[in-house]
N, C-alpha and C. Protein backbone atom coordinates (compact mmCIF):
# COMPACT_ATOMS: atom_id res chain seq x y z
N UNK A 1 41.00 39.35 27.92
CA UNK A 1 40.16 40.51 28.13
C UNK A 1 40.99 41.75 28.41
N UNK A 2 41.99 41.64 29.31
CA UNK A 2 42.84 42.77 29.65
C UNK A 2 43.66 43.20 28.44
N UNK A 3 44.11 42.23 27.65
CA UNK A 3 44.91 42.53 26.47
C UNK A 3 44.08 43.34 25.46
N UNK A 4 42.82 42.95 25.25
CA UNK A 4 41.94 43.68 24.33
C UNK A 4 41.67 45.09 24.85
N UNK A 5 41.51 45.22 26.15
CA UNK A 5 41.30 46.53 26.76
C UNK A 5 42.50 47.44 26.52
N UNK A 6 43.72 46.92 26.73
CA UNK A 6 44.93 47.72 26.51
C UNK A 6 45.10 48.10 25.04
N UNK A 7 44.78 47.18 24.15
CA UNK A 7 44.86 47.49 22.71
C UNK A 7 43.86 48.59 22.37
N UNK A 8 42.66 48.49 22.90
CA UNK A 8 41.64 49.52 22.63
C UNK A 8 42.08 50.88 23.16
N UNK A 9 42.66 50.90 24.35
CA UNK A 9 43.15 52.16 24.93
C UNK A 9 44.28 52.72 24.07
N UNK A 10 45.21 51.87 23.66
CA UNK A 10 46.33 52.30 22.81
C UNK A 10 45.84 52.87 21.49
N UNK A 11 44.84 52.21 20.89
CA UNK A 11 44.29 52.69 19.63
C UNK A 11 43.63 54.05 19.83
N UNK A 12 42.87 54.20 20.90
CA UNK A 12 42.20 55.46 21.20
C UNK A 12 43.21 56.60 21.37
N UNK A 13 44.27 56.36 22.11
CA UNK A 13 45.29 57.38 22.33
C UNK A 13 45.97 57.75 21.02
N UNK A 14 46.26 56.76 20.18
CA UNK A 14 46.90 57.02 18.88
C UNK A 14 46.02 57.89 18.00
N UNK A 15 44.73 57.54 17.96
CA UNK A 15 43.79 58.33 17.14
C UNK A 15 43.67 59.76 17.66
N UNK A 16 43.61 59.90 18.96
CA UNK A 16 43.50 61.24 19.55
C UNK A 16 44.74 62.06 19.26
N UNK A 17 45.92 61.45 19.33
CA UNK A 17 47.16 62.17 19.06
C UNK A 17 47.23 62.59 17.61
N UNK A 18 46.81 61.73 16.69
CA UNK A 18 46.82 62.10 15.28
C UNK A 18 45.81 63.19 15.00
N UNK A 19 44.69 63.14 15.69
CA UNK A 19 43.65 64.16 15.50
C UNK A 19 44.09 65.53 15.94
N UNK A 20 45.03 65.63 16.86
CA UNK A 20 45.53 66.92 17.33
C UNK A 20 46.17 67.72 16.20
N UNK A 21 46.83 67.05 15.27
CA UNK A 21 47.52 67.72 14.16
C UNK A 21 46.82 67.50 12.84
N UNK A 22 45.54 67.16 12.85
CA UNK A 22 44.81 66.85 11.63
C UNK A 22 44.74 68.02 10.68
N UNK A 23 44.78 69.24 11.16
CA UNK A 23 44.65 70.40 10.30
C UNK A 23 45.99 70.87 9.72
N UNK A 24 47.10 70.26 10.08
CA UNK A 24 48.41 70.64 9.56
C UNK A 24 49.00 69.43 8.84
N UNK A 25 49.17 69.52 7.50
CA UNK A 25 49.75 68.39 6.77
C UNK A 25 51.14 68.05 7.31
N UNK A 26 51.44 66.76 7.40
CA UNK A 26 52.71 66.31 7.97
C UNK A 26 53.91 66.91 7.25
N UNK A 27 53.82 67.12 5.94
CA UNK A 27 54.95 67.66 5.19
C UNK A 27 55.27 69.10 5.55
N UNK A 28 54.33 69.80 6.18
CA UNK A 28 54.57 71.20 6.53
C UNK A 28 54.84 71.39 8.02
N UNK A 29 55.05 70.32 8.75
CA UNK A 29 55.38 70.47 10.16
C UNK A 29 56.88 70.73 10.31
N UNK A 30 57.21 71.45 11.34
CA UNK A 30 58.61 71.81 11.57
C UNK A 30 59.45 70.57 11.80
N UNK A 31 58.99 69.69 12.69
CA UNK A 31 59.79 68.51 13.04
C UNK A 31 60.00 67.56 11.87
N UNK A 32 59.09 67.56 10.90
CA UNK A 32 59.24 66.69 9.73
C UNK A 32 60.29 67.21 8.75
N UNK A 33 60.66 68.46 8.88
CA UNK A 33 61.56 69.08 7.91
C UNK A 33 62.92 69.49 8.46
N UNK A 34 63.08 69.51 9.79
CA UNK A 34 64.31 70.02 10.37
C UNK A 34 64.79 69.15 11.52
N UNK A 35 66.09 69.15 11.71
CA UNK A 35 66.68 68.45 12.85
C UNK A 35 66.51 69.31 14.09
N UNK A 36 66.70 68.72 15.24
CA UNK A 36 66.61 69.47 16.50
C UNK A 36 67.63 70.61 16.52
N UNK A 37 68.84 70.35 16.03
CA UNK A 37 69.87 71.40 16.00
C UNK A 37 69.45 72.56 15.09
N UNK A 38 68.84 72.25 13.95
CA UNK A 38 68.37 73.30 13.05
C UNK A 38 67.25 74.11 13.68
N UNK A 39 66.35 73.41 14.35
CA UNK A 39 65.23 74.10 15.01
C UNK A 39 65.77 75.05 16.07
N UNK A 40 66.74 74.62 16.84
CA UNK A 40 67.33 75.49 17.87
C UNK A 40 67.95 76.73 17.24
N UNK A 41 68.60 76.57 16.07
CA UNK A 41 69.18 77.72 15.37
C UNK A 41 68.08 78.69 14.92
N UNK A 42 66.98 78.15 14.42
CA UNK A 42 65.86 79.01 14.02
C UNK A 42 65.22 79.69 15.24
N UNK A 43 65.16 78.99 16.36
CA UNK A 43 64.63 79.61 17.57
C UNK A 43 65.52 80.78 18.01
N UNK A 44 66.83 80.62 17.87
CA UNK A 44 67.75 81.71 18.21
C UNK A 44 67.52 82.90 17.27
N UNK A 45 67.32 82.61 16.00
CA UNK A 45 67.02 83.67 15.04
C UNK A 45 65.70 84.36 15.38
N UNK A 46 64.75 83.60 15.86
CA UNK A 46 63.46 84.18 16.24
C UNK A 46 63.60 85.14 17.40
N UNK A 47 64.51 84.86 18.35
CA UNK A 47 64.70 85.79 19.46
C UNK A 47 65.23 87.13 18.95
N UNK A 48 65.99 87.08 17.87
CA UNK A 48 66.47 88.33 17.25
C UNK A 48 65.31 89.11 16.64
N UNK A 49 64.34 88.39 16.06
CA UNK A 49 63.14 89.06 15.53
C UNK A 49 62.32 89.70 16.66
N UNK A 50 62.24 89.01 17.79
CA UNK A 50 61.53 89.57 18.94
C UNK A 50 62.25 90.85 19.39
N UNK A 51 63.57 90.80 19.45
CA UNK A 51 64.35 91.99 19.82
C UNK A 51 64.13 93.12 18.80
N UNK A 52 64.08 92.77 17.51
CA UNK A 52 63.81 93.77 16.48
C UNK A 52 62.46 94.44 16.71
N UNK A 53 61.46 93.65 17.08
CA UNK A 53 60.13 94.19 17.36
C UNK A 53 60.20 95.32 18.39
N UNK A 54 60.91 95.07 19.47
CA UNK A 54 61.01 96.09 20.52
C UNK A 54 61.91 97.26 20.11
N UNK A 55 62.92 97.00 19.30
CA UNK A 55 63.75 98.09 18.77
C UNK A 55 62.89 99.03 17.92
N UNK A 56 62.05 98.42 17.06
CA UNK A 56 61.16 99.22 16.22
C UNK A 56 60.17 100.02 17.06
N UNK A 57 59.61 99.38 18.10
CA UNK A 57 58.69 100.11 18.98
C UNK A 57 59.40 101.28 19.65
N UNK A 58 60.65 101.06 20.05
CA UNK A 58 61.43 102.14 20.67
C UNK A 58 61.65 103.30 19.71
N UNK A 59 61.95 102.98 18.45
CA UNK A 59 62.14 104.05 17.45
C UNK A 59 60.84 104.82 17.22
N UNK A 60 59.73 104.11 17.13
CA UNK A 60 58.44 104.79 16.93
C UNK A 60 58.07 105.64 18.13
N UNK A 61 58.47 105.19 19.29
CA UNK A 61 58.14 105.89 20.53
C UNK A 61 58.98 107.14 20.74
N UNK A 62 60.15 107.16 20.15
CA UNK A 62 61.07 108.29 20.36
C UNK A 62 60.57 109.56 19.67
N UNK A 63 60.54 110.63 20.42
CA UNK A 63 60.15 111.92 19.83
C UNK A 63 61.27 112.48 18.95
N UNK A 64 62.46 111.88 19.02
CA UNK A 64 63.59 112.33 18.19
C UNK A 64 63.65 111.65 16.82
N UNK A 65 62.81 110.66 16.58
CA UNK A 65 62.81 109.95 15.31
C UNK A 65 62.02 110.75 14.28
N UNK A 66 62.59 110.94 13.10
CA UNK A 66 61.91 111.71 12.05
C UNK A 66 60.68 110.97 11.55
N UNK A 67 59.74 111.70 10.99
CA UNK A 67 58.51 111.10 10.47
C UNK A 67 58.82 110.17 9.30
N UNK A 68 59.80 110.51 8.47
CA UNK A 68 60.17 109.65 7.35
C UNK A 68 60.69 108.31 7.85
N UNK A 69 61.52 108.35 8.87
CA UNK A 69 62.05 107.11 9.44
C UNK A 69 60.93 106.32 10.11
N UNK A 70 60.01 106.98 10.78
CA UNK A 70 58.90 106.28 11.42
C UNK A 70 58.05 105.54 10.39
N UNK A 71 57.88 106.11 9.22
CA UNK A 71 57.13 105.45 8.15
C UNK A 71 57.84 104.16 7.74
N UNK A 72 59.16 104.22 7.58
CA UNK A 72 59.94 103.03 7.22
C UNK A 72 59.92 102.00 8.34
N UNK A 73 60.01 102.44 9.57
CA UNK A 73 60.01 101.54 10.72
C UNK A 73 58.66 100.81 10.82
N UNK A 74 57.56 101.51 10.58
CA UNK A 74 56.25 100.86 10.62
C UNK A 74 56.17 99.75 9.59
N UNK A 75 56.67 100.01 8.39
CA UNK A 75 56.65 98.98 7.34
C UNK A 75 57.49 97.77 7.75
N UNK A 76 58.66 98.02 8.32
CA UNK A 76 59.53 96.93 8.78
C UNK A 76 58.88 96.18 9.94
N UNK A 77 58.22 96.89 10.81
CA UNK A 77 57.53 96.28 11.95
C UNK A 77 56.42 95.35 11.47
N UNK A 78 55.59 95.80 10.56
CA UNK A 78 54.51 94.96 10.05
C UNK A 78 55.05 93.75 9.29
N UNK A 79 56.21 93.87 8.67
CA UNK A 79 56.81 92.76 7.92
C UNK A 79 57.24 91.62 8.85
N UNK A 80 57.44 91.90 10.12
CA UNK A 80 57.81 90.85 11.08
C UNK A 80 56.66 89.88 11.33
N UNK A 81 55.43 90.32 11.11
CA UNK A 81 54.24 89.56 11.46
C UNK A 81 53.59 88.96 10.22
N UNK A 82 53.03 87.76 10.39
CA UNK A 82 52.30 87.13 9.29
C UNK A 82 50.95 87.83 9.12
N UNK A 83 50.31 88.17 10.22
CA UNK A 83 49.00 88.79 10.22
C UNK A 83 49.13 90.23 10.70
N UNK A 84 48.78 91.15 9.86
CA UNK A 84 48.92 92.57 10.21
C UNK A 84 47.90 93.01 11.26
N UNK A 85 46.86 92.19 11.50
CA UNK A 85 45.84 92.51 12.49
C UNK A 85 46.08 91.78 13.81
N UNK A 86 47.31 91.41 14.05
CA UNK A 86 47.68 90.63 15.24
C UNK A 86 47.43 91.43 16.51
N UNK A 87 47.13 90.71 17.60
CA UNK A 87 47.02 91.36 18.90
C UNK A 87 48.33 91.15 19.65
N UNK A 88 48.73 92.16 20.38
CA UNK A 88 49.98 92.13 21.13
C UNK A 88 49.71 92.62 22.54
N UNK A 89 50.66 92.37 23.42
CA UNK A 89 50.55 92.85 24.79
C UNK A 89 50.59 94.38 24.78
N UNK A 90 49.68 94.97 25.51
CA UNK A 90 49.67 96.43 25.63
C UNK A 90 50.68 96.81 26.71
N UNK A 91 51.87 97.13 26.28
CA UNK A 91 52.97 97.43 27.20
C UNK A 91 52.80 98.76 27.91
N UNK A 92 51.79 99.54 27.50
CA UNK A 92 51.55 100.83 28.14
C UNK A 92 50.51 100.71 29.25
N UNK A 93 49.80 99.61 29.30
CA UNK A 93 48.71 99.45 30.27
C UNK A 93 49.25 99.08 31.65
N UNK A 94 48.51 99.47 32.67
CA UNK A 94 48.92 99.14 34.03
C UNK A 94 48.47 97.74 34.43
N UNK A 95 47.50 97.19 33.72
CA UNK A 95 47.07 95.81 33.95
C UNK A 95 47.27 95.03 32.65
N UNK A 96 47.61 93.75 32.75
CA UNK A 96 47.86 92.96 31.54
C UNK A 96 46.64 92.90 30.62
N UNK A 97 46.81 93.37 29.42
CA UNK A 97 45.76 93.36 28.41
C UNK A 97 46.39 93.29 27.03
N UNK A 98 45.60 92.96 26.04
CA UNK A 98 46.12 92.93 24.67
C UNK A 98 45.46 94.04 23.86
N UNK A 99 46.11 94.34 22.74
CA UNK A 99 45.69 95.44 21.89
C UNK A 99 46.12 95.10 20.46
N UNK A 100 45.44 95.63 19.48
CA UNK A 100 45.86 95.45 18.09
C UNK A 100 47.20 96.15 17.89
N UNK A 101 48.08 95.55 17.11
CA UNK A 101 49.40 96.14 16.87
C UNK A 101 49.29 97.57 16.36
N UNK A 102 48.40 97.81 15.42
CA UNK A 102 48.25 99.16 14.86
C UNK A 102 47.84 100.15 15.94
N UNK A 103 47.02 99.71 16.89
CA UNK A 103 46.60 100.60 17.99
C UNK A 103 47.74 100.86 18.96
N UNK A 104 48.56 99.83 19.20
CA UNK A 104 49.73 100.02 20.08
C UNK A 104 50.69 101.03 19.46
N UNK A 105 50.90 100.94 18.17
CA UNK A 105 51.79 101.88 17.48
C UNK A 105 51.30 103.31 17.67
N UNK A 106 50.01 103.50 17.49
CA UNK A 106 49.44 104.84 17.67
C UNK A 106 49.62 105.31 19.12
N UNK A 107 49.41 104.39 20.05
CA UNK A 107 49.45 104.72 21.48
C UNK A 107 50.85 105.09 21.97
N UNK A 108 51.91 104.48 21.41
CA UNK A 108 53.26 104.74 21.92
C UNK A 108 54.02 105.80 21.13
N UNK A 109 53.51 106.19 19.97
CA UNK A 109 54.22 107.16 19.14
C UNK A 109 54.50 108.44 19.93
N UNK A 110 55.78 108.84 19.92
CA UNK A 110 56.26 110.05 20.59
C UNK A 110 56.09 110.02 22.12
N UNK A 111 56.01 108.86 22.72
CA UNK A 111 55.83 108.75 24.17
C UNK A 111 57.12 108.38 24.90
N UNK A 112 58.22 108.23 24.16
CA UNK A 112 59.56 107.99 24.73
C UNK A 112 59.67 106.74 25.62
N UNK A 113 59.26 105.62 25.07
CA UNK A 113 59.46 104.33 25.74
C UNK A 113 60.78 103.73 25.30
N UNK A 114 61.39 102.97 26.17
CA UNK A 114 62.55 102.15 25.78
C UNK A 114 62.34 100.77 26.39
N UNK A 115 62.96 99.76 25.77
CA UNK A 115 62.72 98.37 26.15
C UNK A 115 64.03 97.61 26.26
N UNK A 116 64.10 96.77 27.29
CA UNK A 116 65.23 95.87 27.46
C UNK A 116 64.68 94.47 27.64
N UNK A 117 65.23 93.50 26.89
CA UNK A 117 64.75 92.13 26.94
C UNK A 117 65.78 91.23 27.60
N UNK A 118 65.29 90.20 28.31
CA UNK A 118 66.18 89.24 28.94
C UNK A 118 65.43 87.93 29.19
N UNK A 119 66.18 86.92 29.61
CA UNK A 119 65.63 85.63 30.05
C UNK A 119 64.75 84.94 29.00
N UNK A 120 65.25 84.80 27.79
CA UNK A 120 64.52 84.10 26.75
C UNK A 120 64.42 82.61 27.05
N UNK A 121 63.25 82.02 26.80
CA UNK A 121 63.04 80.58 26.88
C UNK A 121 62.09 80.19 25.76
N UNK A 122 62.43 79.13 25.02
CA UNK A 122 61.56 78.64 23.95
C UNK A 122 60.82 77.40 24.41
N UNK A 123 59.55 77.31 24.01
CA UNK A 123 58.74 76.15 24.36
C UNK A 123 59.05 74.99 23.42
N UNK A 124 58.42 73.88 23.68
CA UNK A 124 58.50 72.74 22.77
C UNK A 124 57.83 73.13 21.47
N UNK A 125 58.38 72.66 20.37
CA UNK A 125 57.88 73.01 19.04
C UNK A 125 56.58 72.28 18.75
N UNK A 126 55.56 73.02 18.31
CA UNK A 126 54.30 72.43 17.85
C UNK A 126 54.42 72.21 16.34
N UNK A 127 53.32 71.97 15.67
CA UNK A 127 53.35 71.67 14.24
C UNK A 127 53.99 72.79 13.42
N UNK A 128 53.58 74.04 13.66
CA UNK A 128 54.10 75.13 12.85
C UNK A 128 54.44 76.38 13.67
N UNK A 129 54.64 76.22 14.96
CA UNK A 129 54.99 77.37 15.80
C UNK A 129 55.63 76.89 17.10
N UNK A 130 56.17 77.84 17.82
CA UNK A 130 56.57 77.64 19.21
C UNK A 130 56.34 78.96 19.92
N UNK A 131 56.50 78.96 21.22
CA UNK A 131 56.31 80.18 22.00
C UNK A 131 57.63 80.55 22.65
N UNK A 132 57.99 81.81 22.53
CA UNK A 132 59.18 82.33 23.20
C UNK A 132 58.73 83.17 24.38
N UNK A 133 59.21 82.79 25.54
CA UNK A 133 58.92 83.52 26.78
C UNK A 133 60.13 84.41 27.06
N UNK A 134 59.87 85.63 27.50
CA UNK A 134 60.96 86.56 27.82
C UNK A 134 60.47 87.61 28.81
N UNK A 135 61.42 88.28 29.41
CA UNK A 135 61.11 89.37 30.32
C UNK A 135 61.42 90.67 29.59
N UNK A 136 60.51 91.60 29.64
CA UNK A 136 60.73 92.91 29.03
C UNK A 136 60.67 93.97 30.14
N UNK A 137 61.69 94.81 30.16
CA UNK A 137 61.73 95.95 31.06
C UNK A 137 61.32 97.16 30.24
N UNK A 138 60.29 97.84 30.69
CA UNK A 138 59.70 98.96 29.96
C UNK A 138 60.01 100.23 30.73
N UNK A 139 60.66 101.16 30.05
CA UNK A 139 61.04 102.42 30.67
C UNK A 139 60.36 103.56 29.92
N UNK A 140 59.66 104.40 30.65
CA UNK A 140 59.12 105.63 30.09
C UNK A 140 59.44 106.75 31.06
N UNK A 141 60.28 107.66 30.59
CA UNK A 141 60.78 108.74 31.44
C UNK A 141 61.38 108.14 32.72
N UNK A 142 60.83 108.42 33.88
CA UNK A 142 61.37 107.90 35.14
C UNK A 142 60.67 106.62 35.62
N UNK A 143 59.64 106.20 34.91
CA UNK A 143 58.87 105.03 35.31
C UNK A 143 59.40 103.77 34.64
N UNK A 144 59.61 102.73 35.44
CA UNK A 144 60.11 101.47 34.91
C UNK A 144 59.22 100.33 35.41
N UNK A 145 58.81 99.45 34.50
CA UNK A 145 58.04 98.26 34.86
C UNK A 145 58.65 97.05 34.16
N UNK A 146 58.34 95.89 34.69
CA UNK A 146 58.81 94.64 34.08
C UNK A 146 57.62 93.73 33.85
N UNK A 147 57.64 93.03 32.74
CA UNK A 147 56.57 92.10 32.39
C UNK A 147 57.19 90.83 31.83
N UNK A 148 56.53 89.72 32.04
CA UNK A 148 56.88 88.47 31.38
C UNK A 148 55.93 88.36 30.19
N UNK A 149 56.49 88.19 28.99
CA UNK A 149 55.68 88.10 27.78
C UNK A 149 55.86 86.74 27.12
N UNK A 150 54.85 86.34 26.38
CA UNK A 150 54.86 85.11 25.61
C UNK A 150 54.59 85.48 24.15
N UNK A 151 55.57 85.22 23.31
CA UNK A 151 55.50 85.59 21.90
C UNK A 151 55.37 84.32 21.07
N UNK A 152 54.28 84.20 20.32
CA UNK A 152 54.14 83.06 19.41
C UNK A 152 55.01 83.35 18.19
N UNK A 153 55.78 82.34 17.80
CA UNK A 153 56.63 82.45 16.61
C UNK A 153 56.18 81.38 15.63
N UNK A 154 55.73 81.82 14.47
CA UNK A 154 55.28 80.91 13.42
C UNK A 154 56.45 80.61 12.50
N UNK A 155 56.59 79.36 12.10
CA UNK A 155 57.66 78.94 11.20
C UNK A 155 57.02 78.02 10.17
N UNK A 156 56.86 78.54 8.96
CA UNK A 156 56.12 77.77 7.96
C UNK A 156 56.65 78.03 6.57
N UNK A 157 56.38 77.09 5.68
CA UNK A 157 56.84 77.26 4.30
C UNK A 157 56.00 78.31 3.57
N UNK A 158 56.69 79.15 2.81
CA UNK A 158 56.02 80.13 1.97
C UNK A 158 56.65 80.03 0.58
N UNK A 159 55.89 80.36 -0.42
CA UNK A 159 56.39 80.31 -1.79
C UNK A 159 56.93 81.68 -2.17
N UNK A 160 58.18 81.71 -2.58
CA UNK A 160 58.82 82.95 -3.02
C UNK A 160 59.10 82.84 -4.52
N UNK A 161 59.00 83.96 -5.21
CA UNK A 161 59.27 83.99 -6.64
C UNK A 161 60.56 84.73 -6.89
N UNK A 162 61.46 84.07 -7.61
CA UNK A 162 62.75 84.66 -8.02
C UNK A 162 62.76 84.68 -9.54
N UNK A 163 62.32 85.82 -10.09
CA UNK A 163 62.18 85.89 -11.55
C UNK A 163 61.06 84.97 -11.98
N UNK A 164 61.38 83.96 -12.79
CA UNK A 164 60.37 82.99 -13.23
C UNK A 164 60.37 81.73 -12.38
N UNK A 165 61.29 81.65 -11.43
CA UNK A 165 61.40 80.47 -10.58
C UNK A 165 60.67 80.67 -9.27
N UNK A 166 59.91 79.66 -8.88
CA UNK A 166 59.24 79.69 -7.59
C UNK A 166 59.91 78.66 -6.70
N UNK A 167 60.12 79.05 -5.44
CA UNK A 167 60.79 78.17 -4.49
C UNK A 167 60.09 78.25 -3.15
N UNK A 168 60.01 77.09 -2.48
CA UNK A 168 59.43 77.06 -1.15
C UNK A 168 60.52 77.36 -0.13
N UNK A 169 60.28 78.41 0.65
CA UNK A 169 61.23 78.87 1.67
C UNK A 169 60.52 78.84 3.02
N UNK A 170 61.19 78.33 4.04
CA UNK A 170 60.62 78.38 5.39
C UNK A 170 60.90 79.76 5.98
N UNK A 171 59.85 80.38 6.51
CA UNK A 171 59.94 81.76 6.98
C UNK A 171 59.46 81.87 8.43
N UNK A 172 60.17 82.68 9.20
CA UNK A 172 59.77 82.98 10.59
C UNK A 172 58.88 84.23 10.58
N UNK A 173 57.78 84.14 11.28
CA UNK A 173 56.89 85.28 11.48
C UNK A 173 56.59 85.37 12.96
N UNK A 174 56.42 86.58 13.44
CA UNK A 174 55.96 86.76 14.81
C UNK A 174 54.44 86.67 14.82
N UNK A 175 53.91 86.16 15.91
CA UNK A 175 52.47 86.08 16.11
C UNK A 175 52.08 86.91 17.32
N UNK A 176 50.96 86.56 17.92
CA UNK A 176 50.45 87.36 19.03
C UNK A 176 51.43 87.35 20.23
N UNK A 177 51.33 88.42 20.99
CA UNK A 177 52.12 88.59 22.20
C UNK A 177 51.14 88.73 23.36
N UNK A 178 51.35 87.93 24.40
CA UNK A 178 50.50 88.00 25.59
C UNK A 178 51.36 88.10 26.83
N UNK A 179 50.74 88.47 27.93
CA UNK A 179 51.41 88.51 29.23
C UNK A 179 51.24 87.17 29.90
């Protein structure tokens, strides 16, 4: 009787675990395609993308940046994200809240913010993403604040075309940012 009970519990747990990833085909999961060492290298590369995000925000925020450069920076900024309608942490707010990326760009333009990042930590890898935690120091004129942010990083296969050849390439995209 006890043996049947343990088998039933084991079966239930197995089914529940498989059901957690039912919407992501096994062939497109990160762990199925990369070694732990490779994943760590991609996570390091993702922290550079997070840093790029804040560098771009700093350029848009600077009143010394030309309008032509701001146009190019906006395009580069949106290219970091898979979804252009992503919500991000509103780094200008006094209380933790999120805002659409396009609205944040409008809100910080010419407001002279600068950003310093530190203390990166990556979470355990899920099927097609992980979360990078970091501390951001936000400086505007004489005011300085610090926030802990959580940045979702998506890592998934995308099809790229090279002339007449199509190839599947794994690509890093930034996702939502929360406090």
